Amino acid sequence: EAGWHYGLQLQASHVNAHGVVHGGVLMTFMDHALSLVAWEAAGRATCTTVQLDSHFLEAVRPPAFVELEAEILKQGRSMIFLRGSLRSDNRHIMQATGVWRVLA
């Protein structure tokens, strides 16, 4: 009833030279998962990311499971505005807002 849930199991292969998960891995997951939320909201019409603003709040080290919390802020016929938060072990590690265009 609460909708879709998206998660990612982080492994040692996801770390940077400092031993923490690379920001690009988190950004890719955020973009992909929010795109799926937009796609579902648009009746499974093709959507593309127009803008994604991200903020890293805390570093995460593997092994860790990251879960997305998503919220649709506004939806029109051709644009969907979303907010997402990534959590791991009840810690917020990243937040983002973005805009997706519906290409129906």
C-alpha atoms as a PDB file:
ATOM      1  CA  GLU A   1       0.000   0.000   0.000  1.00  0.00           C
ATOM      2  CA  ALA A   2       2.915   2.356   0.618  1.00  0.00           C
ATOM      3  CA  GLY A   3       4.104   2.047  -2.989  1.00  0.00           C
ATOM      4  CA  TRP A   4       7.403   0.859  -4.337  1.00  0.00           C
ATOM      5  CA  HIS A   5      10.571   0.579  -2.259  1.00  0.00           C
ATOM      6  CA  TYR A   6      14.057   0.642  -3.780  1.00  0.00           C
ATOM      7  CA  GLY A   7      17.255  -0.480  -2.111  1.00  0.00           C
ATOM      8  CA  LEU A   8      20.883  -1.204  -2.928  1.00  0.00           C
ATOM      9  CA  GLN A   9      23.285  -3.548  -1.178  1.00  0.00           C
ATOM     10  CA  LEU A  10      26.657  -1.776  -1.101  1.00  0.00           C
ATOM     11  CA  GLN A  11      29.839  -3.817  -1.365  1.00  0.00           C
ATOM     12  CA  ALA A  12      33.591  -3.248  -1.240  1.00  0.00           C
ATOM     13  CA  SER A  13      33.601  -2.712  -5.027  1.00  0.00           C
ATOM     14  CA  HIS A  14      31.597   0.519  -4.499  1.00  0.00           C
ATOM     15  CA  VAL A  15      34.245   2.355  -2.461  1.00  0.00           C
ATOM     16  CA  ASN A  16      36.614   5.148  -3.440  1.00  0.00           C
ATOM     17  CA  ALA A  17      40.286   5.467  -2.465  1.00  0.00           C
ATOM     18  CA  HIS A  18      39.261   6.555   1.055  1.00  0.00           C
ATOM     19  CA  GLY A  19      37.250   3.400   1.749  1.00  0.00           C
ATOM     20  CA  VAL A  20      33.826   5.053   1.688  1.00  0.00           C
ATOM     21  CA  VAL A  21      31.138   4.496  -0.918  1.00  0.00           C
ATOM     22  CA  HIS A  22      31.803   6.644  -3.978  1.00  0.00           C
ATOM     23  CA  GLY A  23      29.368   9.543  -4.377  1.00  0.00           C
ATOM     24  CA  GLY A  24      28.794   8.580  -8.000  1.00  0.00           C
ATOM     25  CA  VAL A  25      27.387   5.223  -6.903  1.00  0.00           C
ATOM     26  CA  LEU A  26      24.901   6.971  -4.614  1.00  0.00           C
ATOM     27  CA  MET A  27      23.989   9.540  -7.287  1.00  0.00           C
ATOM     28  CA  THR A  28      23.425   6.808  -9.869  1.00  0.00           C
ATOM     29  CA  PHE A  29      21.186   4.875  -7.491  1.00  0.00           C
ATOM     30  CA  MET A  30      19.266   8.043  -6.556  1.00  0.00           C
ATOM     31  CA  ASP A  31      18.720   8.967 -10.215  1.00  0.00           C
ATOM     32  CA  HIS A  32      17.674   5.450 -11.199  1.00  0.00           C
ATOM     33  CA  ALA A  33      15.303   4.919  -8.261  1.00  0.00           C
ATOM     34  CA  LEU A  34      13.667   8.356  -8.568  1.00  0.00           C
ATOM     35  CA  SER A  35      13.302   7.742 -12.307  1.00  0.00           C
ATOM     36  CA  LEU A  36      11.375   4.574 -11.497  1.00  0.00           C
ATOM     37  CA  VAL A  37       9.096   6.556  -9.161  1.00  0.00           C
ATOM     38  CA  ALA A  38       8.508   9.124 -11.942  1.00  0.00           C
ATOM     39  CA  TRP A  39       7.888   6.348 -14.482  1.00  0.00           C
ATOM     40  CA  GLU A  40       5.280   4.730 -12.240  1.00  0.00           C
ATOM     41  CA  ALA A  41       3.612   8.115 -11.512  1.00  0.00           C
ATOM     42  CA  ALA A  42       3.445   8.844 -15.261  1.00  0.00           C
ATOM     43  CA  GLY A  43       1.560   5.627 -15.948  1.00  0.00           C
ATOM     44  CA  ARG A  44       4.763   3.896 -17.036  1.00  0.00           C
ATOM     45  CA  ALA A  45       5.426   6.420 -19.797  1.00  0.00           C
ATOM     46  CA  THR A  46       9.054   7.054 -20.669  1.00  0.00           C
ATOM     47  CA  CYS A  47      10.629   9.701 -18.400  1.00  0.00           C
ATOM     48  CA  THR A  48      14.018  11.378 -18.510  1.00  0.00           C
ATOM     49  CA  THR A  49      15.934  13.287 -15.856  1.00  0.00           C
ATOM     50  CA  VAL A  50      16.055  17.034 -16.500  1.00  0.00           C
ATOM     51  CA  GLN A  51      17.701  18.088 -13.239  1.00  0.00           C
ATOM     52  CA  LEU A  52      19.048  16.348 -10.151  1.00  0.00           C
ATOM     53  CA  ASP A  53      20.406  18.369  -7.222  1.00  0.00           C
ATOM     54  CA  SER A  54      22.085  16.233  -4.588  1.00  0.00           C
ATOM     55  CA  HIS A  55      23.488  16.775  -1.112  1.00  0.00           C
ATOM     56  CA  PHE A  56      25.741  14.278   0.637  1.00  0.00           C
ATOM     57  CA  LEU A  57      25.004  14.233   4.357  1.00  0.00           C
ATOM     58  CA  GLU A  58      27.125  11.414   5.738  1.00  0.00           C
ATOM     59  CA  ALA A  59      29.667   8.895   4.469  1.00  0.00           C
ATOM     60  CA  VAL A  60      28.743   5.228   4.333  1.00  0.00           C
ATOM     61  CA  ARG A  61      31.044   2.204   4.351  1.00  0.00           C
ATOM     62  CA  PRO A  62      30.194  -1.248   3.053  1.00  0.00           C
ATOM     63  CA  PRO A  63      28.733  -3.604   3.735  1.00  0.00           C
ATOM     64  CA  ALA A  64      25.615  -1.484   4.010  1.00  0.00           C
ATOM     65  CA  PHE A  65      22.093  -1.519   2.651  1.00  0.00           C
ATOM     66  CA  VAL A  66      20.792   1.806   1.325  1.00  0.00           C
ATOM     67  CA  GLU A  67      17.067   2.463   0.918  1.00  0.00           C
ATOM     68  CA  LEU A  68      15.312   5.265  -0.952  1.00  0.00           C
ATOM     69  CA  GLU A  69      12.447   7.298   0.496  1.00  0.00           C
ATOM     70  CA  ALA A  70      10.748   9.246  -2.307  1.00  0.00           C
ATOM     71  CA  GLU A  71       8.086  11.918  -2.457  1.00  0.00           C
ATOM     72  CA  ILE A  72       6.370  13.439  -5.471  1.00  0.00           C
ATOM     73  CA  LEU A  73       6.340  17.185  -4.876  1.00  0.00           C
ATOM     74  CA  LYS A  74       4.353  18.164  -7.971  1.00  0.00           C
ATOM     75  CA  GLN A  75       3.148  16.403 -11.090  1.00  0.00           C
ATOM     76  CA  GLY A  76       1.908  17.928 -14.308  1.00  0.00           C
ATOM     77  CA  ARG A  77       1.247  16.414 -17.730  1.00  0.00           C
ATOM     78  CA  SER A  78       4.841  16.698 -18.885  1.00  0.00           C
ATOM     79  CA  MET A  79       6.941  17.301 -15.744  1.00  0.00           C
ATOM     80  CA  ILE A  80       7.291  15.540 -12.390  1.00  0.00           C
ATOM     81  CA  PHE A  81       9.115  17.083  -9.417  1.00  0.00           C
ATOM     82  CA  LEU A  82      10.517  14.660  -6.829  1.00  0.00           C
ATOM     83  CA  ARG A  83      12.428  14.617  -3.585  1.00  0.00           C
ATOM     84  CA  GLY A  84      14.435  11.644  -2.393  1.00  0.00           C
ATOM     85  CA  SER A  85      16.401  10.629   0.660  1.00  0.00           C
ATOM     86  CA  LEU A  86      18.810   7.719   1.003  1.00  0.00           C
ATOM     87  CA  ARG A  87      19.042   6.027   4.403  1.00  0.00           C
ATOM     88  CA  SER A  88      21.324   3.362   5.794  1.00  0.00           C
ATOM     89  CA  ASP A  89      20.933   2.014   9.341  1.00  0.00           C
ATOM     90  CA  ASN A  90      18.400   4.796  10.094  1.00  0.00           C
ATOM     91  CA  ARG A  91      20.941   7.470   9.073  1.00  0.00           C
ATOM     92  CA  HIS A  92      20.189   9.907   6.275  1.00  0.00           C
ATOM     93  CA  ILE A  93      23.214   9.805   3.988  1.00  0.00           C
ATOM     94  CA  MET A  94      21.996  11.722   0.919  1.00  0.00           C
ATOM     95  CA  GLN A  95      19.137  13.965  -0.166  1.00  0.00           C
ATOM     96  CA  ALA A  96      18.156  15.091  -3.639  1.00  0.00           C
ATOM     97  CA  THR A  97      15.493  16.979  -5.533  1.00  0.00           C
ATOM     98  CA  GLY A  98      14.923  16.619  -9.218  1.00  0.00           C
ATOM     99  CA  VAL A  99      12.762  17.168 -12.253  1.00  0.00           C
ATOM    100  CA  TRP A 100      11.716  14.476 -14.738  1.00  0.00           C
ATOM    101  CA  ARG A 101      10.147  15.066 -18.149  1.00  0.00           C
ATOM    102  CA  VAL A 102       7.429  12.706 -19.335  1.00  0.00           C
ATOM    103  CA  LEU A 103       8.098  11.784 -22.976  1.00  0.00           C
ATOM    104  CA  ALA A 104       4.727  10.161 -23.714  1.00  0.00           C
END
